[in-house]
């Protein structure tokens, strides 16, 4: 089932709230979109929600403390 960007962003936010941390690759696979699409979605979400990205070996996307 294809989601529009707004629906996908809501589902990404729900997933991050439950998991607290995830990766671009995992979210891209889960939502069947590219990593670039997830990156753009995260940029939009960070404007309204306490989400941060972390680079490195244990990096990814997480809900801010």
N, C-alpha and C. Protein backbone atom coordinates (compact mmCIF):
# COMPACT_ATOMS: atom_id res chain seq x y z
N UNK A 1 0.84 -1.18 0.00
CA UNK A 1 0.00 0.00 0.00
C UNK A 1 0.89 1.25 0.00
N UNK A 2 0.68 2.12 -0.93
CA UNK A 2 1.43 3.37 -0.99
C UNK A 2 0.82 4.41 -0.06
N UNK A 3 1.68 5.14 0.59
CA UNK A 3 1.24 6.22 1.48
C UNK A 3 1.64 7.54 0.86
N UNK A 4 0.87 8.56 1.15
CA UNK A 4 1.31 9.88 0.73
C UNK A 4 2.37 10.35 1.74
N UNK A 5 3.13 11.40 1.41
CA UNK A 5 4.21 11.83 2.30
C UNK A 5 3.75 12.14 3.73
N UNK A 6 2.60 12.76 3.87
CA UNK A 6 2.11 13.10 5.21
C UNK A 6 1.86 11.83 6.03
N UNK A 7 1.21 10.83 5.42
CA UNK A 7 0.94 9.57 6.12
C UNK A 7 2.25 8.87 6.49
N UNK A 8 3.20 8.84 5.56
CA UNK A 8 4.48 8.20 5.82
C UNK A 8 5.21 8.88 6.97
N UNK A 9 5.20 10.21 6.98
CA UNK A 9 5.87 10.94 8.06
C UNK A 9 5.23 10.64 9.42
N UNK A 10 3.93 10.53 9.44
CA UNK A 10 3.24 10.19 10.69
C UNK A 10 3.67 8.80 11.16
N UNK A 11 3.76 7.85 10.24
CA UNK A 11 4.17 6.48 10.59
C UNK A 11 5.64 6.45 11.03
N UNK A 12 6.48 7.24 10.38
CA UNK A 12 7.89 7.33 10.80
C UNK A 12 7.96 7.87 12.22
N UNK A 13 7.22 8.91 12.50
CA UNK A 13 7.20 9.50 13.84
C UNK A 13 6.72 8.48 14.87
N UNK A 14 5.68 7.74 14.55
CA UNK A 14 5.17 6.70 15.46
C UNK A 14 6.25 5.65 15.73
N UNK A 15 6.94 5.23 14.67
CA UNK A 15 7.99 4.22 14.81
C UNK A 15 9.12 4.74 15.69
N UNK A 16 9.53 5.99 15.48
CA UNK A 16 10.61 6.56 16.28
C UNK A 16 10.20 6.72 17.74
N UNK A 17 8.96 7.07 17.98
CA UNK A 17 8.50 7.20 19.37
C UNK A 17 8.51 5.85 20.08
N UNK A 18 8.19 4.79 19.36
CA UNK A 18 8.19 3.46 19.97
C UNK A 18 9.61 2.93 20.15
N UNK A 19 10.45 3.09 19.14
CA UNK A 19 11.79 2.50 19.15
C UNK A 19 12.84 3.41 19.78
N UNK A 20 12.59 4.71 19.75
CA UNK A 20 13.50 5.74 20.25
C UNK A 20 14.73 5.95 19.37
N UNK A 21 15.11 4.99 18.54
CA UNK A 21 16.28 5.11 17.69
C UNK A 21 16.12 4.18 16.49
N UNK A 22 16.52 4.63 15.33
CA UNK A 22 16.49 3.79 14.14
C UNK A 22 17.48 4.34 13.13
N UNK A 23 17.64 3.66 12.01
CA UNK A 23 18.56 4.11 10.97
C UNK A 23 17.80 4.50 9.71
N UNK A 24 18.44 5.30 8.88
CA UNK A 24 17.85 5.67 7.60
C UNK A 24 17.57 4.42 6.77
N UNK A 25 18.54 3.52 6.75
CA UNK A 25 18.40 2.31 5.94
C UNK A 25 17.24 1.45 6.38
N UNK A 26 17.08 1.26 7.68
CA UNK A 26 15.98 0.45 8.19
C UNK A 26 14.63 1.08 7.88
N UNK A 27 14.53 2.38 8.09
CA UNK A 27 13.26 3.07 7.79
C UNK A 27 12.96 3.05 6.30
N UNK A 28 14.00 3.23 5.48
CA UNK A 28 13.80 3.19 4.02
C UNK A 28 13.27 1.83 3.60
N UNK A 29 13.84 0.77 4.15
CA UNK A 29 13.38 -0.58 3.83
C UNK A 29 11.94 -0.79 4.31
N UNK A 30 11.68 -0.39 5.53
CA UNK A 30 10.35 -0.59 6.12
C UNK A 30 9.25 0.14 5.33
N UNK A 31 9.55 1.36 4.87
CA UNK A 31 8.54 2.15 4.17
C UNK A 31 8.67 2.07 2.65
N UNK A 32 9.62 1.22 2.19
CA UNK A 32 9.78 0.97 0.76
C UNK A 32 10.02 2.25 -0.04
N UNK A 33 10.91 3.08 0.49
CA UNK A 33 11.31 4.32 -0.18
C UNK A 33 12.84 4.40 -0.09
N UNK A 34 13.41 5.38 -0.75
CA UNK A 34 14.87 5.55 -0.72
C UNK A 34 15.31 6.21 0.58
N UNK A 35 16.61 6.08 0.86
CA UNK A 35 17.17 6.77 2.03
C UNK A 35 17.02 8.28 1.89
N UNK A 36 17.15 8.77 0.67
CA UNK A 36 16.97 10.21 0.43
C UNK A 36 15.58 10.68 0.80
N UNK A 37 14.57 9.87 0.50
CA UNK A 37 13.20 10.21 0.87
C UNK A 37 13.07 10.27 2.39
N UNK A 38 13.66 9.30 3.08
CA UNK A 38 13.62 9.30 4.55
C UNK A 38 14.34 10.53 5.09
N UNK A 39 15.48 10.88 4.49
CA UNK A 39 16.21 12.08 4.94
C UNK A 39 15.35 13.32 4.81
N UNK A 40 14.68 13.46 3.67
CA UNK A 40 13.80 14.63 3.47
C UNK A 40 12.64 14.61 4.46
N UNK A 41 12.08 13.43 4.71
CA UNK A 41 11.00 13.32 5.70
C UNK A 41 11.49 13.75 7.09
N UNK A 42 12.69 13.33 7.45
CA UNK A 42 13.23 13.68 8.77
C UNK A 42 13.46 15.19 8.88
N UNK A 43 13.94 15.80 7.80
CA UNK A 43 14.13 17.26 7.81
C UNK A 43 12.80 17.95 8.10
N UNK A 44 11.75 17.49 7.46
CA UNK A 44 10.42 18.08 7.69
C UNK A 44 9.98 17.83 9.13
N UNK A 45 10.15 16.61 9.62
CA UNK A 45 9.72 16.27 10.98
C UNK A 45 10.48 17.04 12.05
N UNK A 46 11.77 17.29 11.83
CA UNK A 46 12.56 18.00 12.85
C UNK A 46 12.11 19.45 13.03
N UNK A 47 11.36 19.97 12.08
CA UNK A 47 10.83 21.33 12.23
C UNK A 47 9.75 21.40 13.31
N UNK A 48 9.10 20.28 13.59
CA UNK A 48 7.98 20.28 14.53
C UNK A 48 8.15 19.34 15.72
N UNK A 49 9.11 18.41 15.64
CA UNK A 49 9.24 17.39 16.68
C UNK A 49 10.70 17.30 17.14
N UNK A 50 10.92 16.87 18.38
CA UNK A 50 12.29 16.77 18.91
C UNK A 50 13.02 15.53 18.40
N UNK A 51 13.39 15.56 17.14
CA UNK A 51 14.10 14.46 16.51
C UNK A 51 15.49 14.96 16.15
N UNK A 52 16.48 14.11 16.37
CA UNK A 52 17.84 14.49 16.01
C UNK A 52 18.52 13.35 15.25
N UNK A 53 19.49 13.72 14.45
CA UNK A 53 20.26 12.72 13.72
C UNK A 53 21.67 12.68 14.30
N UNK A 54 22.24 11.49 14.30
CA UNK A 54 23.57 11.27 14.87
C UNK A 54 24.38 10.49 13.84
N UNK A 55 25.57 10.97 13.53
CA UNK A 55 26.44 10.30 12.59
C UNK A 55 27.38 9.37 13.32
N UNK A 56 27.90 8.39 12.60
CA UNK A 56 28.88 7.49 13.18
C UNK A 56 28.37 6.06 13.28
N UNK A 57 29.18 5.23 13.89
CA UNK A 57 28.89 3.81 14.01
C UNK A 57 27.58 3.50 14.71
N UNK A 58 27.24 4.27 15.70
CA UNK A 58 25.99 4.05 16.42
C UNK A 58 25.00 5.18 16.11
N UNK A 59 25.16 5.75 14.94
CA UNK A 59 24.33 6.87 14.54
C UNK A 59 22.97 6.45 14.03
N UNK A 60 22.23 7.41 13.60
CA UNK A 60 20.90 7.19 13.07
C UNK A 60 19.99 8.34 13.43
N UNK A 61 18.77 8.00 13.62
CA UNK A 61 17.74 8.99 13.93
C UNK A 61 17.17 8.62 15.29
N UNK A 62 17.01 9.61 16.13
CA UNK A 62 16.45 9.31 17.44
C UNK A 62 15.59 10.46 17.93
N UNK A 63 14.74 10.11 18.88
CA UNK A 63 13.93 11.11 19.55
C UNK A 63 14.83 11.76 20.59
N UNK A 64 14.89 13.07 20.58
CA UNK A 64 15.76 13.79 21.51
C UNK A 64 15.37 13.56 22.95
N UNK A 65 16.36 13.61 23.82
CA UNK A 65 16.12 13.42 25.26
C UNK A 65 15.37 14.59 25.84
